[in-house]
């Protein structure tokens, strides 16, 4: 129960979640030279809203848990919460990879393959495969970085 007091209140967590999201969108907009609306449309097209929302929630949970690890506290709960959230990101990434491949194959099997329909089918297939591989490209490294950060932070603070 003591570890739960280390987490921010619900309103602070929601504010942190949305505030971080807005800052990240602004940075991404600046780096890519894309307007925010175009960037949001691209995120939706490539990743889907469900991936973006679940990924953001898990990422925020891992960061809040890792940042809440402090000296002189029982940090095991926070460590476990951070690690589970980071592991959830890798599971999410692999799940959406399989979903994208499955949707692509489903698209291929639903339409007759004729010389006149090949271009359209390949376009739809590559769209689904793009989601499949981008979720892995973003999710697995993010998960690994978060796991390493939470683990190293926990170990460092517990050794003090």
N, C-alpha and C. Protein backbone atom coordinates (compact mmCIF):
# COMPACT_ATOMS: atom_id res chain seq x y z
N UNK A 1 0.82 -1.18 0.00
CA UNK A 1 0.00 0.00 0.00
C UNK A 1 0.86 1.25 0.00
N UNK A 2 2.04 1.16 0.62
CA UNK A 2 2.94 2.30 0.68
C UNK A 2 3.39 2.73 -0.71
N UNK A 3 3.60 1.75 -1.62
CA UNK A 3 4.06 2.07 -2.97
C UNK A 3 3.01 2.83 -3.76
N UNK A 4 1.73 2.60 -3.48
CA UNK A 4 0.68 3.29 -4.21
C UNK A 4 0.70 4.79 -3.93
N UNK A 5 1.17 5.20 -2.76
CA UNK A 5 1.24 6.62 -2.43
C UNK A 5 2.29 7.33 -3.28
N UNK A 6 3.26 6.57 -3.83
CA UNK A 6 4.31 7.17 -4.64
C UNK A 6 3.81 7.56 -6.02
N UNK A 7 2.72 6.95 -6.47
CA UNK A 7 2.19 7.27 -7.79
C UNK A 7 1.46 8.61 -7.73
N UNK A 8 1.46 9.36 -8.83
CA UNK A 8 0.74 10.63 -8.83
C UNK A 8 -0.77 10.40 -8.77
N UNK A 9 -1.48 11.42 -8.36
CA UNK A 9 -2.94 11.31 -8.32
C UNK A 9 -3.47 11.13 -9.74
N UNK A 10 -4.72 10.73 -9.84
CA UNK A 10 -5.31 10.48 -11.15
C UNK A 10 -5.29 11.72 -12.03
N UNK A 11 -5.65 12.87 -11.46
CA UNK A 11 -5.66 14.09 -12.27
C UNK A 11 -4.25 14.47 -12.70
N UNK A 12 -3.26 14.27 -11.83
CA UNK A 12 -1.87 14.56 -12.22
C UNK A 12 -1.40 13.59 -13.30
N UNK A 13 -1.78 12.33 -13.20
CA UNK A 13 -1.39 11.34 -14.20
C UNK A 13 -2.01 11.66 -15.55
N UNK A 14 -3.28 12.06 -15.55
CA UNK A 14 -3.95 12.42 -16.81
C UNK A 14 -3.29 13.65 -17.42
N UNK A 15 -3.01 14.64 -16.59
CA UNK A 15 -2.34 15.84 -17.07
C UNK A 15 -0.96 15.54 -17.61
N UNK A 16 -0.22 14.67 -16.93
CA UNK A 16 1.10 14.26 -17.39
C UNK A 16 1.00 13.53 -18.73
N UNK A 17 0.01 12.65 -18.84
CA UNK A 17 -0.19 11.88 -20.07
C UNK A 17 -0.46 12.79 -21.26
N UNK A 18 -1.44 13.69 -21.12
CA UNK A 18 -1.79 14.58 -22.22
C UNK A 18 -0.72 15.63 -22.47
N UNK A 19 -0.13 16.14 -21.42
CA UNK A 19 0.93 17.13 -21.58
C UNK A 19 2.13 16.57 -22.32
N UNK A 20 2.53 15.37 -21.94
CA UNK A 20 3.65 14.70 -22.62
C UNK A 20 3.29 14.43 -24.08
N UNK A 21 2.05 13.99 -24.31
CA UNK A 21 1.62 13.73 -25.69
C UNK A 21 1.67 14.97 -26.56
N UNK A 22 1.24 16.09 -26.01
CA UNK A 22 1.25 17.35 -26.78
C UNK A 22 2.67 17.79 -27.06
N UNK A 23 3.54 17.67 -26.08
CA UNK A 23 4.94 18.05 -26.28
C UNK A 23 5.60 17.15 -27.32
N UNK A 24 5.34 15.84 -27.24
CA UNK A 24 5.91 14.91 -28.21
C UNK A 24 5.39 15.19 -29.63
N UNK A 25 4.10 15.52 -29.75
CA UNK A 25 3.57 15.88 -31.07
C UNK A 25 4.24 17.14 -31.61
N UNK A 26 4.45 18.13 -30.75
CA UNK A 26 5.11 19.37 -31.18
C UNK A 26 6.54 19.10 -31.63
N UNK A 27 7.27 18.28 -30.87
CA UNK A 27 8.65 17.94 -31.24
C UNK A 27 8.67 17.16 -32.55
N UNK A 28 7.78 16.18 -32.68
CA UNK A 28 7.72 15.39 -33.92
C UNK A 28 7.34 16.27 -35.10
N UNK A 29 6.42 17.21 -34.89
CA UNK A 29 6.04 18.13 -35.96
C UNK A 29 7.22 18.98 -36.39
N UNK A 30 7.99 19.45 -35.43
CA UNK A 30 9.16 20.27 -35.74
C UNK A 30 10.22 19.46 -36.48
N UNK A 31 10.48 18.24 -36.00
CA UNK A 31 11.52 17.42 -36.60
C UNK A 31 11.17 16.93 -38.00
N UNK A 32 9.88 16.63 -38.23
CA UNK A 32 9.47 16.11 -39.53
C UNK A 32 9.02 17.20 -40.50
N UNK A 33 8.90 18.43 -40.00
CA UNK A 33 8.42 19.55 -40.81
C UNK A 33 7.00 19.30 -41.33
N UNK A 34 6.21 18.56 -40.56
CA UNK A 34 4.83 18.27 -40.92
C UNK A 34 3.91 19.02 -39.96
N UNK A 35 2.81 19.57 -40.45
CA UNK A 35 1.83 20.15 -39.52
C UNK A 35 1.28 19.05 -38.59
N UNK A 36 0.88 19.45 -37.39
CA UNK A 36 0.41 18.48 -36.40
C UNK A 36 -0.76 17.66 -36.94
N UNK A 37 -1.69 18.28 -37.64
CA UNK A 37 -2.84 17.56 -38.18
C UNK A 37 -2.40 16.46 -39.16
N UNK A 38 -1.43 16.77 -40.02
CA UNK A 38 -0.91 15.76 -40.94
C UNK A 38 -0.18 14.65 -40.19
N UNK A 39 0.52 15.01 -39.13
CA UNK A 39 1.23 14.02 -38.32
C UNK A 39 0.25 13.07 -37.62
N UNK A 40 -0.83 13.63 -37.09
CA UNK A 40 -1.85 12.81 -36.44
C UNK A 40 -2.52 11.88 -37.46
N UNK A 41 -2.79 12.38 -38.65
CA UNK A 41 -3.37 11.56 -39.71
C UNK A 41 -2.42 10.42 -40.09
N UNK A 42 -1.14 10.73 -40.19
CA UNK A 42 -0.14 9.71 -40.50
C UNK A 42 -0.10 8.65 -39.41
N UNK A 43 -0.11 9.08 -38.13
CA UNK A 43 -0.11 8.13 -37.02
C UNK A 43 -1.31 7.18 -37.11
N UNK A 44 -2.46 7.75 -37.41
CA UNK A 44 -3.67 6.93 -37.50
C UNK A 44 -3.59 5.96 -38.67
N UNK A 45 -3.07 6.41 -39.80
CA UNK A 45 -2.98 5.57 -40.99
C UNK A 45 -1.96 4.45 -40.82
N UNK A 46 -0.83 4.75 -40.20
CA UNK A 46 0.24 3.76 -40.09
C UNK A 46 0.03 2.83 -38.90
N UNK A 47 -0.38 3.37 -37.76
CA UNK A 47 -0.43 2.57 -36.54
C UNK A 47 -1.83 2.15 -36.11
N UNK A 48 -2.84 2.92 -36.38
CA UNK A 48 -4.22 2.77 -35.93
C UNK A 48 -4.37 3.40 -34.54
N UNK A 49 -5.56 3.92 -34.28
CA UNK A 49 -5.80 4.60 -33.01
C UNK A 49 -5.64 3.65 -31.83
N UNK A 50 -6.07 2.43 -31.98
CA UNK A 50 -5.99 1.50 -30.85
C UNK A 50 -4.54 1.27 -30.43
N UNK A 51 -3.63 1.10 -31.39
CA UNK A 51 -2.23 0.92 -31.04
C UNK A 51 -1.67 2.18 -30.37
N UNK A 52 -1.96 3.34 -30.95
CA UNK A 52 -1.42 4.60 -30.41
C UNK A 52 -1.90 4.83 -28.98
N UNK A 53 -3.17 4.60 -28.71
CA UNK A 53 -3.71 4.86 -27.37
C UNK A 53 -3.16 3.86 -26.36
N UNK A 54 -3.16 2.58 -26.69
CA UNK A 54 -2.66 1.58 -25.76
C UNK A 54 -1.16 1.75 -25.54
N UNK A 55 -0.40 2.00 -26.62
CA UNK A 55 1.04 2.23 -26.50
C UNK A 55 1.31 3.43 -25.61
N UNK A 56 0.59 4.52 -25.83
CA UNK A 56 0.80 5.74 -25.03
C UNK A 56 0.51 5.50 -23.56
N UNK A 57 -0.56 4.77 -23.27
CA UNK A 57 -0.91 4.49 -21.88
C UNK A 57 0.16 3.62 -21.21
N UNK A 58 0.60 2.58 -21.88
CA UNK A 58 1.63 1.71 -21.31
C UNK A 58 2.96 2.44 -21.15
N UNK A 59 3.32 3.25 -22.15
CA UNK A 59 4.56 4.02 -22.09
C UNK A 59 4.52 4.99 -20.91
N UNK A 60 3.40 5.68 -20.76
CA UNK A 60 3.25 6.64 -19.65
C UNK A 60 3.30 5.93 -18.31
N UNK A 61 2.66 4.78 -18.21
CA UNK A 61 2.69 4.03 -16.97
C UNK A 61 4.10 3.61 -16.60
N UNK A 62 4.86 3.14 -17.57
CA UNK A 62 6.24 2.72 -17.31
C UNK A 62 7.10 3.91 -16.87
N UNK A 63 6.92 5.05 -17.53
CA UNK A 63 7.71 6.24 -17.18
C UNK A 63 7.34 6.74 -15.79
N UNK A 64 6.05 6.81 -15.48
CA UNK A 64 5.62 7.27 -14.16
C UNK A 64 6.12 6.32 -13.08
N UNK A 65 6.01 5.02 -13.30
CA UNK A 65 6.48 4.05 -12.32
C UNK A 65 7.99 4.16 -12.12
N UNK A 66 8.73 4.26 -13.21
CA UNK A 66 10.18 4.38 -13.09
C UNK A 66 10.61 5.66 -12.41
N UNK A 67 9.94 6.75 -12.75
CA UNK A 67 10.29 8.04 -12.15
C UNK A 67 9.89 8.10 -10.68
N UNK A 68 8.92 7.29 -10.27
CA UNK A 68 8.45 7.30 -8.88
C UNK A 68 9.34 6.49 -7.95
N UNK A 69 10.29 5.75 -8.49
CA UNK A 69 11.21 4.98 -7.65
C UNK A 69 12.13 5.97 -6.93
N UNK A 70 12.07 5.95 -5.62
CA UNK A 70 12.83 6.90 -4.80
C UNK A 70 13.57 6.15 -3.70
N UNK A 71 14.65 6.74 -3.23
CA UNK A 71 15.44 6.15 -2.15
C UNK A 71 14.62 6.14 -0.86
N UNK A 72 14.81 5.10 -0.06
CA UNK A 72 14.15 5.01 1.23
C UNK A 72 12.72 4.53 1.19
N UNK A 73 12.26 4.03 0.06
CA UNK A 73 10.88 3.55 -0.07
C UNK A 73 10.91 2.08 -0.46
N UNK A 74 9.77 1.45 -0.33
CA UNK A 74 9.60 0.10 -0.83
C UNK A 74 9.25 0.23 -2.31
N UNK A 75 10.22 0.01 -3.16
CA UNK A 75 10.07 0.28 -4.59
C UNK A 75 9.71 -0.96 -5.43
N UNK A 76 9.49 -2.09 -4.79
CA UNK A 76 9.25 -3.31 -5.54
C UNK A 76 7.99 -3.20 -6.41
N UNK A 77 6.92 -2.62 -5.87
CA UNK A 77 5.69 -2.47 -6.64
C UNK A 77 5.93 -1.58 -7.86
N UNK A 78 6.61 -0.47 -7.66
CA UNK A 78 6.86 0.45 -8.78
C UNK A 78 7.75 -0.21 -9.83
N UNK A 79 8.75 -0.95 -9.38
CA UNK A 79 9.61 -1.68 -10.30
C UNK A 79 8.79 -2.67 -11.12
N UNK A 80 7.96 -3.46 -10.43
CA UNK A 80 7.12 -4.44 -11.13
C UNK A 80 6.14 -3.78 -12.09
N UNK A 81 5.54 -2.67 -11.66
CA UNK A 81 4.59 -1.96 -12.53
C UNK A 81 5.29 -1.43 -13.78
N UNK A 82 6.47 -0.86 -13.61
CA UNK A 82 7.23 -0.36 -14.76
C UNK A 82 7.65 -1.46 -15.71
N UNK A 83 8.10 -2.57 -15.14
CA UNK A 83 8.53 -3.69 -15.99
C UNK A 83 7.34 -4.33 -16.72
N UNK A 84 6.21 -4.47 -16.03
CA UNK A 84 5.04 -5.05 -16.67
C UNK A 84 4.52 -4.15 -17.80
N UNK A 85 4.54 -2.85 -17.58
CA UNK A 85 4.11 -1.92 -18.63
C UNK A 85 5.04 -2.00 -19.84
N UNK A 86 6.35 -2.05 -19.58
CA UNK A 86 7.32 -2.17 -20.68
C UNK A 86 7.15 -3.50 -21.42
N UNK A 87 6.93 -4.56 -20.67
CA UNK A 87 6.68 -5.86 -21.32
C UNK A 87 5.37 -5.84 -22.10
N UNK A 88 4.39 -5.10 -21.60
CA UNK A 88 3.12 -4.96 -22.32
C UNK A 88 3.30 -4.29 -23.66
N UNK A 89 4.25 -3.36 -23.75
CA UNK A 89 4.52 -2.69 -25.02
C UNK A 89 5.06 -3.69 -26.04
N UNK A 90 5.98 -4.55 -25.62
CA UNK A 90 6.50 -5.53 -26.59
C UNK A 90 5.43 -6.52 -27.02
N UNK A 91 4.57 -6.92 -26.09
CA UNK A 91 3.46 -7.81 -26.43
C UNK A 91 2.49 -7.11 -27.40
N UNK A 92 2.21 -5.85 -27.12
CA UNK A 92 1.34 -5.06 -28.00
C UNK A 92 1.93 -4.96 -29.40
N UNK A 93 3.22 -4.67 -29.49
CA UNK A 93 3.87 -4.53 -30.79
C UNK A 93 3.79 -5.83 -31.59
N UNK A 94 4.08 -6.93 -30.95
CA UNK A 94 4.04 -8.21 -31.66
C UNK A 94 2.62 -8.61 -32.02
N UNK A 95 1.67 -8.28 -31.16
CA UNK A 95 0.27 -8.58 -31.47
C UNK A 95 -0.19 -7.80 -32.70
N UNK A 96 0.16 -6.52 -32.76
CA UNK A 96 -0.24 -5.72 -33.92
C UNK A 96 0.54 -6.11 -35.17
N UNK A 97 1.74 -6.65 -35.00
CA UNK A 97 2.47 -7.17 -36.16
C UNK A 97 1.70 -8.34 -36.76
N UNK A 98 1.30 -9.25 -35.91
CA UNK A 98 0.54 -10.40 -36.40
C UNK A 98 -0.81 -9.98 -36.95
N UNK A 99 -1.44 -8.98 -36.31
CA UNK A 99 -2.72 -8.47 -36.81
C UNK A 99 -2.55 -7.88 -38.21
N UNK A 100 -1.53 -7.08 -38.41
CA UNK A 100 -1.30 -6.47 -39.73
C UNK A 100 -1.05 -7.50 -40.80
N UNK A 101 -0.25 -8.51 -40.47
CA UNK A 101 0.00 -9.58 -41.44
C UNK A 101 -1.28 -10.35 -41.73
N UNK A 102 -2.03 -10.63 -40.69
CA UNK A 102 -3.29 -11.35 -40.86
C UNK A 102 -4.28 -10.56 -41.70
N UNK A 103 -4.41 -9.25 -41.44
CA UNK A 103 -5.30 -8.42 -42.24
C UNK A 103 -4.85 -8.35 -43.70
N UNK A 104 -3.54 -8.29 -43.90
CA UNK A 104 -3.01 -8.27 -45.27
C UNK A 104 -3.31 -9.56 -46.02
N UNK A 105 -3.12 -10.67 -45.36
CA UNK A 105 -3.42 -11.96 -45.99
C UNK A 105 -4.92 -12.10 -46.21
N UNK A 106 -5.73 -11.62 -45.24
CA UNK A 106 -7.18 -11.65 -45.41
C UNK A 106 -7.63 -10.83 -46.60
N UNK A 107 -7.01 -9.67 -46.80
CA UNK A 107 -7.32 -8.84 -47.96
C UNK A 107 -6.98 -9.56 -49.25
N UNK A 108 -5.85 -10.24 -49.24
CA UNK A 108 -5.40 -10.97 -50.42
C UNK A 108 -6.35 -12.13 -50.75
N UNK A 109 -6.85 -12.78 -49.72
CA UNK A 109 -7.69 -13.96 -49.97
C UNK A 109 -9.13 -13.59 -50.34
N UNK A 110 -9.56 -12.36 -50.05
CA UNK A 110 -10.94 -11.96 -50.31
C UNK A 110 -11.19 -11.54 -51.75
N UNK A 111 -10.16 -11.22 -52.49
CA UNK A 111 -10.35 -10.67 -53.83
C UNK A 111 -9.76 -11.62 -54.87
N UNK A 112 -10.42 -11.69 -56.02
CA UNK A 112 -9.85 -12.52 -57.08
C UNK A 112 -8.59 -11.84 -57.64
N UNK A 113 -7.59 -12.62 -57.85
CA UNK A 113 -6.31 -12.10 -58.35
C UNK A 113 -6.30 -12.18 -59.88
N UNK A 114 -6.47 -11.02 -60.51
CA UNK A 114 -6.43 -10.93 -61.96
C UNK A 114 -5.39 -9.88 -62.33
N UNK A 115 -4.94 -9.87 -63.55
CA UNK A 115 -3.95 -8.86 -63.95
C UNK A 115 -4.43 -7.43 -63.72
N UNK A 116 -5.72 -7.18 -63.85
CA UNK A 116 -6.21 -5.81 -63.67
C UNK A 116 -6.37 -5.44 -62.19
N UNK A 117 -6.46 -6.41 -61.31
CA UNK A 117 -6.66 -6.11 -59.89
C UNK A 117 -5.39 -6.19 -59.06
N UNK A 118 -4.28 -6.60 -59.66
CA UNK A 118 -3.04 -6.81 -58.91
C UNK A 118 -2.56 -5.52 -58.25
N UNK A 119 -2.57 -4.41 -58.96
CA UNK A 119 -2.06 -3.15 -58.39
C UNK A 119 -2.85 -2.73 -57.14
N UNK A 120 -4.16 -2.80 -57.20
CA UNK A 120 -4.98 -2.43 -56.06
C UNK A 120 -4.78 -3.37 -54.87
N UNK A 121 -4.67 -4.64 -55.15
CA UNK A 121 -4.48 -5.63 -54.08
C UNK A 121 -3.12 -5.44 -53.42
N UNK A 122 -2.10 -5.22 -54.22
CA UNK A 122 -0.76 -5.01 -53.66
C UNK A 122 -0.72 -3.74 -52.82
N UNK A 123 -1.42 -2.70 -53.26
CA UNK A 123 -1.49 -1.46 -52.48
C UNK A 123 -2.11 -1.67 -51.12
N UNK A 124 -3.22 -2.41 -51.09
CA UNK A 124 -3.89 -2.70 -49.81
C UNK A 124 -3.03 -3.62 -48.94
N UNK A 125 -2.38 -4.58 -49.56
CA UNK A 125 -1.52 -5.51 -48.84
C UNK A 125 -0.34 -4.79 -48.19
N UNK A 126 0.29 -3.89 -48.92
CA UNK A 126 1.43 -3.17 -48.36
C UNK A 126 1.00 -2.21 -47.25
N UNK A 127 -0.21 -1.68 -47.32
CA UNK A 127 -0.72 -0.82 -46.25
C UNK A 127 -0.82 -1.61 -44.95
N UNK A 128 -1.37 -2.81 -45.03
CA UNK A 128 -1.50 -3.65 -43.84
C UNK A 128 -0.13 -4.10 -43.33
N UNK A 129 0.77 -4.45 -44.23
CA UNK A 129 2.11 -4.87 -43.81
C UNK A 129 2.89 -3.70 -43.22
N UNK A 130 2.63 -2.49 -43.69
CA UNK A 130 3.29 -1.32 -43.14
C UNK A 130 2.94 -1.18 -41.66
N UNK A 131 1.66 -1.32 -41.32
CA UNK A 131 1.26 -1.27 -39.91
C UNK A 131 1.95 -2.39 -39.14
N UNK A 132 1.98 -3.55 -39.72
CA UNK A 132 2.56 -4.71 -39.05
C UNK A 132 4.02 -4.45 -38.65
N UNK A 133 4.79 -3.96 -39.57
CA UNK A 133 6.21 -3.81 -39.29
C UNK A 133 6.53 -2.53 -38.52
N UNK A 134 5.77 -1.47 -38.73
CA UNK A 134 6.02 -0.24 -37.97
C UNK A 134 5.73 -0.41 -36.48
N UNK A 135 4.71 -1.20 -36.14
CA UNK A 135 4.44 -1.42 -34.73
C UNK A 135 5.60 -2.15 -34.06
N UNK A 136 6.22 -3.06 -34.79
CA UNK A 136 7.39 -3.75 -34.25
C UNK A 136 8.59 -2.81 -34.16
N UNK A 137 8.80 -2.02 -35.18
CA UNK A 137 9.94 -1.09 -35.21
C UNK A 137 9.86 -0.08 -34.07
N UNK A 138 8.67 0.36 -33.73
CA UNK A 138 8.50 1.33 -32.65
C UNK A 138 8.40 0.63 -31.29
N UNK A 139 7.63 -0.44 -31.22
CA UNK A 139 7.32 -1.06 -29.95
C UNK A 139 8.47 -1.81 -29.29
N UNK A 140 9.19 -2.62 -30.03
CA UNK A 140 10.24 -3.43 -29.41
C UNK A 140 11.40 -2.59 -28.88
N UNK A 141 11.93 -1.63 -29.63
CA UNK A 141 12.99 -0.80 -29.04
C UNK A 141 12.51 0.04 -27.86
N UNK A 142 11.29 0.57 -27.95
CA UNK A 142 10.74 1.35 -26.83
C UNK A 142 10.64 0.49 -25.59
N UNK A 143 10.16 -0.72 -25.75
CA UNK A 143 10.04 -1.65 -24.64
C UNK A 143 11.40 -1.97 -24.02
N UNK A 144 12.38 -2.24 -24.86
CA UNK A 144 13.72 -2.56 -24.36
C UNK A 144 14.33 -1.38 -23.62
N UNK A 145 14.17 -0.18 -24.15
CA UNK A 145 14.71 1.02 -23.49
C UNK A 145 14.04 1.25 -22.14
N UNK A 146 12.72 1.11 -22.10
CA UNK A 146 12.01 1.29 -20.83
C UNK A 146 12.38 0.23 -19.81
N UNK A 147 12.49 -1.02 -20.23
CA UNK A 147 12.89 -2.08 -19.29
C UNK A 147 14.28 -1.81 -18.73
N UNK A 148 15.20 -1.41 -19.59
CA UNK A 148 16.55 -1.12 -19.12
C UNK A 148 16.55 0.05 -18.15
N UNK A 149 15.83 1.11 -18.50
CA UNK A 149 15.80 2.31 -17.64
C UNK A 149 15.19 2.01 -16.27
N UNK A 150 14.04 1.34 -16.25
CA UNK A 150 13.38 1.02 -14.98
C UNK A 150 14.27 0.10 -14.15
N UNK A 151 14.85 -0.90 -14.78
CA UNK A 151 15.69 -1.85 -14.06
C UNK A 151 16.95 -1.18 -13.50
N UNK A 152 17.63 -0.39 -14.32
CA UNK A 152 18.84 0.29 -13.86
C UNK A 152 18.53 1.31 -12.78
N UNK A 153 17.43 2.02 -12.91
CA UNK A 153 17.05 3.00 -11.89
C UNK A 153 16.74 2.31 -10.57
N UNK A 154 16.00 1.23 -10.65
CA UNK A 154 15.68 0.47 -9.43
C UNK A 154 16.94 -0.05 -8.76
N UNK A 155 17.82 -0.67 -9.55
CA UNK A 155 19.06 -1.22 -9.01
C UNK A 155 19.92 -0.14 -8.39
N UNK A 156 20.08 0.98 -9.06
CA UNK A 156 20.90 2.07 -8.56
C UNK A 156 20.35 2.61 -7.23
N UNK A 157 19.06 2.84 -7.17
CA UNK A 157 18.47 3.42 -5.96
C UNK A 157 18.45 2.41 -4.81
N UNK A 158 18.25 1.15 -5.11
CA UNK A 158 18.25 0.13 -4.05
C UNK A 158 19.64 -0.11 -3.49
N UNK A 159 20.68 0.14 -4.28
CA UNK A 159 22.06 -0.05 -3.82
C UNK A 159 22.55 1.12 -2.97
N UNK A 160 21.85 2.25 -3.02
CA UNK A 160 22.29 3.44 -2.27
C UNK A 160 22.06 3.27 -0.81
